[in-house]
Amino acid sequence: MDRFKTMPEKYIVILAALALILCGVLWEYLPSGGIRLLVLISGVLIFLLAFLWSRRQKKEQTDFANDICDTVDDLMNGCDPENYQPYEDSQVSKVQGKLLQYYDRMQEGRRQSEQDKQTIQELVSDISHQVKTPIANIRMFTNILQQHSLTKEKRTEFLDTMTAQINKLDFLMQSLIKMSRLETGTFTLHMEENSLYNTIARAVNSIWAKADQKQIRIDVECDSHAAVKHDTRWTAEALENILDNAVKYTPEGGSISIRVRPWQFYTRIDITDTGIGIAAAHYNDVFQRFYRAQEVSEEEGVGLGLYLARGIITRQKGYISVKSEVGEGTTFSVFLLQ
């Protein structure tokens, strides 16, 4: 029966014609009377049924096309997709279901595009805001040096200040480039089984000079044979950002300890300092882009270090947690998937 329903119209007409021919042949060989009349009526009925079935098929095809076109038009005009949830086991419902799936994907693509556009606008705004101060300072000191006669000592002082502002601007631009690559997913991770000890050593070497200037002791407890699947370069950068904050907010003569412990599914890296600490209410804030607590606003930095660190670790399917006591110190725990 299903094959008959899907049979092309011309085949149905041919079958009906053959049925009439067969009736004509039987007419010659059957005895006269009621039997001949019955055969004739049967043939006519078969032909009529075939004709009506053909018309019905054509109408169903037309209705099917109209229904699908109406669905597409409504979706293009912003009609609520809930109005077309398929509840019937029919061809129209099946096609409408596929159209709704396609519509959902298109909407998701549009939402993602809008989100990317908003992200770019925020990045441009953040960059404009952050670079404004150092550029203004450089311009001011340049004008002073050009328009005033200064002593050698004063010129040296201004040049040193300008150099510091240029270094700050360079650091800011490098951080913003890393942030933009992180935001847009344009950086590539090379996940390999590498020595975690070497990665930590690389991070420590980057902040060693700053720690030594403040006489901060750094202790590392890590098995030299410890290996975890991670990206060496980016993971070292994430750890360096955490360590840099630890050095920055730890008073002179303090200490920083790095302890590595293997867990069942993760390898945990605890970075503990004896610094100023973080209030529990700001645990989440410190990972936000450009966040600077008011009490540390005088310290150098732009508030991107921990934001970048969390982004790097998260993209390696790990995570970072923080625990702190104000005035006692802070522990950042980095979890890398084994």
Protein backbone atom coordinates (compact mmCIF):
# COMPACT_ATOMS: atom_id res chain seq x y z
CA MET A 1 0.00 0.00 0.00
CA ASP A 2 2.87 2.39 0.84
CA ARG A 3 4.43 1.74 -2.56
CA PHE A 4 1.10 2.47 -4.25
CA LYS A 5 0.82 5.79 -2.36
CA THR A 6 4.22 6.93 -3.57
CA MET A 7 3.77 5.63 -7.13
CA PRO A 8 4.06 8.36 -9.83
CA GLU A 9 0.80 9.59 -11.34
CA LYS A 10 1.56 8.36 -14.87
CA TYR A 11 2.04 4.80 -13.63
CA ILE A 12 -1.35 4.85 -11.91
CA VAL A 13 -2.99 6.01 -15.15
CA ILE A 14 -1.23 3.23 -17.09
CA LEU A 15 -2.40 0.63 -14.59
CA ALA A 16 -5.98 1.95 -14.86
CA ALA A 17 -5.80 1.77 -18.67
CA LEU A 18 -4.49 -1.80 -18.50
CA ALA A 19 -7.36 -2.67 -16.18
CA LEU A 20 -9.85 -1.34 -18.77
CA ILE A 21 -8.15 -3.31 -21.57
CA LEU A 22 -8.31 -6.42 -19.45
CA CYS A 23 -12.02 -5.80 -18.91
CA GLY A 24 -12.48 -5.47 -22.68
CA VAL A 25 -10.70 -8.76 -23.29
CA LEU A 26 -12.79 -10.51 -20.66
CA TRP A 27 -15.92 -9.01 -22.23
CA GLU A 28 -15.35 -11.08 -25.36
CA TYR A 29 -14.86 -14.36 -23.56
CA LEU A 30 -17.37 -14.12 -20.76
CA PRO A 31 -21.00 -15.17 -21.26
CA SER A 32 -23.50 -12.40 -21.76
CA GLY A 33 -25.65 -11.10 -19.02
CA GLY A 34 -24.87 -9.97 -15.50
CA ILE A 35 -21.24 -11.13 -15.53
CA ARG A 36 -20.36 -8.87 -18.47
CA LEU A 37 -22.10 -5.96 -16.83
CA LEU A 38 -20.21 -6.63 -13.58
CA VAL A 39 -16.88 -6.66 -15.40
CA LEU A 40 -17.72 -3.40 -17.18
CA ILE A 41 -18.74 -1.69 -13.97
CA SER A 42 -15.57 -2.93 -12.24
CA GLY A 43 -13.38 -1.53 -15.01
CA VAL A 44 -15.10 1.84 -14.93
CA LEU A 45 -14.79 1.97 -11.14
CA ILE A 46 -11.08 1.13 -11.32
CA PHE A 47 -10.52 3.92 -13.81
CA LEU A 48 -12.49 6.41 -11.71
CA LEU A 49 -10.63 5.43 -8.55
CA ALA A 50 -7.28 5.83 -10.33
CA PHE A 51 -8.34 9.23 -11.64
CA LEU A 52 -9.53 10.41 -8.22
CA TRP A 53 -6.37 9.05 -6.57
CA SER A 54 -4.24 10.93 -9.07
CA ARG A 55 -6.08 14.18 -8.33
CA ARG A 56 -5.69 13.58 -4.63
CA GLN A 57 -1.95 12.97 -4.98
CA LYS A 58 -1.56 16.17 -6.95
CA LYS A 59 -3.49 18.11 -4.30
CA GLU A 60 -1.38 16.59 -1.51
CA GLN A 61 1.81 17.58 -3.31
CA THR A 62 0.50 21.11 -3.79
CA ASP A 63 -0.56 21.34 -0.14
CA PHE A 64 2.83 19.95 0.95
CA ALA A 65 4.72 22.57 -1.09
CA ASN A 66 2.44 25.35 0.21
CA ASP A 67 2.88 24.27 3.83
CA ILE A 68 6.67 24.19 3.53
CA CYS A 69 6.76 27.56 1.77
CA ASP A 70 4.52 29.06 4.47
CA THR A 71 6.82 27.66 7.18
CA VAL A 72 9.92 29.12 5.52
CA ASP A 73 8.21 32.50 5.02
CA ASP A 74 7.10 32.64 8.66
CA LEU A 75 10.57 31.75 9.97
CA MET A 76 12.14 34.39 7.71
CA ASN A 77 9.67 36.95 9.05
CA GLY A 78 10.53 36.15 12.66
CA CYS A 79 7.56 33.97 13.57
CA ASP A 80 7.87 32.06 16.85
CA PRO A 81 9.28 28.57 16.03
CA GLU A 82 7.07 27.12 18.77
CA ASN A 83 4.16 27.43 16.34
CA TYR A 84 5.75 24.77 14.14
CA GLN A 85 6.71 22.10 16.62
CA PRO A 86 6.00 18.82 14.73
CA TYR A 87 3.50 16.63 16.54
CA GLU A 88 2.49 14.39 13.62
CA ASP A 89 4.27 11.58 11.84
CA SER A 90 3.91 13.07 8.38
CA GLN A 91 6.16 14.30 5.61
CA VAL A 92 5.27 17.93 6.34
CA SER A 93 6.17 17.48 10.02
CA LYS A 94 9.47 15.81 9.16
CA VAL A 95 10.49 18.59 6.79
CA GLN A 96 9.32 21.25 9.26
CA GLY A 97 11.41 19.56 11.94
CA LYS A 98 14.52 19.80 9.77
CA LEU A 99 13.74 23.40 8.94
CA LEU A 100 13.46 24.19 12.65
CA GLN A 101 16.82 22.54 13.31
CA TYR A 102 18.39 24.62 10.56
CA TYR A 103 16.66 27.74 11.90
CA ASP A 104 18.02 27.07 15.41
CA ARG A 105 21.55 26.71 14.06
CA MET A 106 21.23 29.90 12.07
CA GLN A 107 19.97 31.72 15.17
CA GLU A 108 22.83 30.33 17.23
CA GLY A 109 25.28 31.53 14.57
CA ARG A 110 23.66 34.96 14.66
CA ARG A 111 23.87 35.10 18.46
CA GLN A 112 27.53 34.05 18.33
CA SER A 113 28.22 36.72 15.74
CA GLU A 114 26.57 39.37 17.93
CA GLN A 115 28.55 38.15 20.93
CA ASP A 116 31.83 38.29 18.97
CA LYS A 117 30.95 41.79 17.80
CA GLN A 118 30.29 42.89 21.38
CA THR A 119 33.57 41.30 22.53
CA ILE A 120 35.51 43.21 19.87
CA GLN A 121 33.81 46.46 20.88
CA GLU A 122 34.71 45.83 24.54
CA LEU A 123 38.30 45.05 23.60
CA VAL A 124 38.62 48.25 21.58
CA SER A 125 37.12 50.25 24.46
CA ASP A 126 39.44 48.59 27.00
CA ILE A 127 42.53 49.17 24.84
CA SER A 128 41.59 52.82 24.31
CA HIS A 129 41.11 53.36 28.04
CA GLN A 130 44.27 51.56 29.13
CA VAL A 131 46.71 53.18 26.69
CA LYS A 132 45.37 56.70 27.23
CA THR A 133 47.32 57.40 30.46
CA PRO A 134 50.83 56.28 29.41
CA ILE A 135 50.52 58.02 26.03
CA ALA A 136 49.38 61.23 27.74
CA ASN A 137 52.34 61.06 30.14
CA ILE A 138 54.83 60.46 27.32
CA ARG A 139 53.40 63.41 25.36
CA MET A 140 53.55 65.67 28.42
CA PHE A 141 57.17 64.86 29.26
CA THR A 142 58.18 65.18 25.61
CA ASN A 143 56.71 68.69 25.46
CA ILE A 144 58.50 69.67 28.66
CA LEU A 145 61.83 68.41 27.34
CA GLN A 146 61.33 70.25 24.04
CA GLN A 147 60.11 73.59 25.38
CA HIS A 148 62.08 74.06 28.60
CA SER A 149 65.73 74.29 29.52
CA LEU A 150 66.33 71.71 32.20
CA THR A 151 69.31 70.65 34.20
CA LYS A 152 71.05 67.43 33.27
CA GLU A 153 69.72 65.71 36.38
CA LYS A 154 66.15 66.82 35.62
CA ARG A 155 66.38 65.71 32.00
CA THR A 156 67.66 62.32 33.15
CA GLU A 157 64.79 62.06 35.61
CA PHE A 158 62.22 62.87 32.92
CA LEU A 159 63.81 60.47 30.45
CA ASP A 160 63.75 57.70 33.06
CA THR A 161 60.07 58.44 33.69
CA MET A 162 59.36 58.32 29.96
CA THR A 163 61.23 55.02 29.67
CA ALA A 164 59.10 53.61 32.47
CA GLN A 165 55.94 54.78 30.70
CA ILE A 166 57.12 53.25 27.41
CA ASN A 167 57.86 49.97 29.17
CA LYS A 168 54.42 50.09 30.77
CA LEU A 169 52.85 50.75 27.39
CA ASP A 170 54.79 47.87 25.82
CA PHE A 171 53.74 45.54 28.66
CA LEU A 172 50.15 46.67 28.28
CA MET A 173 50.12 46.09 24.52
CA GLN A 174 51.67 42.63 24.90
CA SER A 175 49.07 41.76 27.53
CA LEU A 176 46.24 43.06 25.36
CA ILE A 177 47.51 41.03 22.39
CA LYS A 178 47.53 37.89 24.54
CA MET A 179 44.08 38.74 25.85
CA SER A 180 42.68 39.27 22.35
CA ARG A 181 44.17 35.96 21.18
CA LEU A 182 42.64 34.27 24.20
CA GLU A 183 39.24 35.92 23.68
CA THR A 184 39.06 35.07 19.97
CA GLY A 185 40.60 31.59 20.27
CA THR A 186 43.39 32.37 17.80
CA PHE A 187 46.21 30.91 19.89
CA THR A 188 47.15 27.25 19.55
CA LEU A 189 47.83 24.87 22.42
CA HIS A 190 50.39 22.10 21.93
CA MET A 191 49.28 19.53 24.47
CA GLU A 192 52.07 17.03 25.10
CA GLU A 193 53.37 14.93 27.98
CA ASN A 194 56.04 17.31 29.32
CA SER A 195 58.01 17.75 32.52
CA LEU A 196 56.00 19.80 34.99
CA TYR A 197 59.18 20.49 36.95
CA ASN A 198 60.74 22.25 33.95
CA THR A 199 57.58 24.27 33.33
CA ILE A 200 57.54 25.49 36.95
CA ALA A 201 61.26 26.29 36.76
CA ARG A 202 60.62 28.36 33.65
CA ALA A 203 57.92 30.35 35.47
CA VAL A 204 60.05 30.85 38.58
CA ASN A 205 63.03 32.09 36.55
CA SER A 206 60.84 34.86 35.11
CA ILE A 207 60.08 36.37 38.52
CA TRP A 208 63.24 35.44 40.41
CA ALA A 209 64.90 38.86 40.05
CA LYS A 210 61.83 40.70 41.38
CA ALA A 211 61.56 38.33 44.33
CA ASP A 212 65.27 38.69 45.10
CA GLN A 213 64.97 42.49 45.18
CA LYS A 214 62.32 42.18 47.89
CA GLN A 215 64.21 39.37 49.65
CA ILE A 216 61.29 37.00 49.17
CA ARG A 217 62.17 33.34 49.62
CA ILE A 218 60.80 30.90 47.02
CA ASP A 219 60.47 27.21 47.90
CA VAL A 220 59.53 24.55 45.33
CA GLU A 221 58.34 21.06 46.21
CA CYS A 222 57.97 19.07 42.99
CA ASP A 223 59.15 15.66 41.84
CA SER A 224 61.73 16.22 39.11
CA HIS A 225 60.18 13.33 37.17
CA ALA A 226 56.61 14.66 37.37
CA ALA A 227 55.07 14.82 33.89
CA VAL A 228 51.63 16.06 32.85
CA LYS A 229 50.01 16.57 29.45
CA HIS A 230 50.08 20.35 29.01
CA ASP A 231 51.33 23.19 26.84
CA THR A 232 54.71 24.14 28.32
CA ARG A 233 54.86 27.72 27.06
CA TRP A 234 51.33 28.81 27.93
CA THR A 235 51.21 26.93 31.25
CA ALA A 236 54.50 28.55 32.29
CA GLU A 237 52.96 31.93 31.41
CA ALA A 238 49.89 31.20 33.55
CA LEU A 239 52.05 30.18 36.52
CA GLU A 240 54.30 33.20 35.98
CA ASN A 241 51.28 35.52 36.17
CA ILE A 242 50.22 33.99 39.49
CA LEU A 243 53.78 34.16 40.85
CA ASP A 244 54.17 37.75 39.67
CA ASN A 245 51.10 38.72 41.67
CA ALA A 246 52.44 36.83 44.67
CA VAL A 247 55.74 38.76 44.52
CA LYS A 248 53.94 42.08 43.93
CA TYR A 249 51.63 41.79 46.94
CA THR A 250 54.00 40.08 49.38
CA PRO A 251 55.94 42.42 51.71
CA GLU A 252 59.73 42.36 51.80
CA GLY A 253 61.18 39.37 53.60
CA GLY A 254 58.09 37.22 52.92
CA SER A 255 57.96 33.82 51.26
CA ILE A 256 56.33 31.98 48.37
CA SER A 257 55.97 28.22 48.24
CA ILE A 258 55.10 26.03 45.26
CA ARG A 259 53.85 22.54 46.03
CA VAL A 260 52.87 19.90 43.47
CA ARG A 261 50.64 16.97 44.42
CA PRO A 262 49.22 14.29 42.13
CA TRP A 263 45.51 13.56 42.52
CA GLN A 264 43.39 10.84 40.96
CA PHE A 265 42.38 12.80 37.87
CA TYR A 266 44.31 16.05 38.25
CA THR A 267 47.76 17.27 39.24
CA ARG A 268 47.44 20.08 41.78
CA ILE A 269 49.89 22.99 41.97
CA ASP A 270 49.53 25.15 45.09
CA ILE A 271 51.17 28.59 44.99
CA THR A 272 51.08 30.08 48.50
CA ASP A 273 52.36 33.51 49.53
CA THR A 274 52.52 35.48 52.76
CA GLY A 275 51.08 38.60 51.16
CA ILE A 276 48.25 40.99 51.92
CA GLY A 277 45.53 38.45 51.15
CA ILE A 278 42.20 38.69 49.34
CA ALA A 279 38.77 39.16 50.88
CA ALA A 280 36.44 36.22 50.23
CA ALA A 281 33.96 38.55 48.53
CA HIS A 282 36.55 39.24 45.81
CA TYR A 283 37.62 35.65 45.03
CA ASN A 284 35.81 35.75 41.70
CA ASP A 285 36.61 39.41 40.98
CA VAL A 286 40.39 38.87 40.84
CA PHE A 287 39.92 36.72 37.71
CA GLN A 288 37.94 39.40 35.89
CA ARG A 289 39.49 41.40 33.07
CA PHE A 290 41.16 44.67 34.24
CA TYR A 291 40.06 44.19 37.85
CA ARG A 292 42.19 46.10 40.35
CA ALA A 293 41.29 46.23 44.04
CA GLN A 294 41.25 49.77 45.40
CA GLU A 295 43.83 49.00 48.09
CA VAL A 296 46.40 47.92 45.46
CA SER A 297 45.65 50.55 42.82
CA GLU A 298 49.07 52.16 43.41
CA GLU A 299 50.89 48.95 42.46
CA GLU A 300 52.00 48.47 38.87
CA GLY A 301 49.87 46.28 36.65
CA VAL A 302 46.72 46.40 34.54
CA GLY A 303 44.65 43.60 36.02
CA LEU A 304 45.11 41.03 33.25
CA GLY A 305 47.48 38.49 34.83
CA LEU A 306 44.99 36.28 36.65
CA TYR A 307 42.42 36.70 33.88
CA LEU A 308 44.93 35.32 31.37
CA ALA A 309 46.05 32.58 33.77
CA ARG A 310 42.53 31.25 34.25
CA GLY A 311 41.81 31.42 30.51
CA ILE A 312 44.97 29.46 29.67
CA ILE A 313 44.35 26.76 32.26
CA THR A 314 40.65 26.48 31.43
CA ARG A 315 41.44 25.88 27.75
CA GLN A 316 43.59 22.95 28.84
CA LYS A 317 40.54 21.47 30.63
CA GLY A 318 41.92 22.46 34.01
CA TYR A 319 40.81 25.07 36.53
CA ILE A 320 42.11 27.49 39.19
CA SER A 321 40.78 28.05 42.69
CA VAL A 322 41.78 30.56 45.37
CA LYS A 323 41.77 30.56 49.16
CA SER A 324 42.97 33.49 51.21
CA GLU A 325 42.99 35.29 54.54
CA VAL A 326 43.31 39.07 54.58
CA GLY A 327 46.67 39.98 56.09
CA GLU A 328 47.80 36.35 56.19
CA GLY A 329 48.39 35.32 52.60
CA THR A 330 46.86 33.60 49.59
CA THR A 331 46.93 30.18 47.93
CA PHE A 332 46.15 29.79 44.26
CA SER A 333 45.58 26.15 43.30
CA VAL A 334 46.06 25.16 39.66
CA PHE A 335 44.56 21.83 38.59
CA LEU A 336 45.90 20.23 35.41
CA LEU A 337 44.11 17.22 33.95
CA GLN A 338 46.35 14.14 34.00
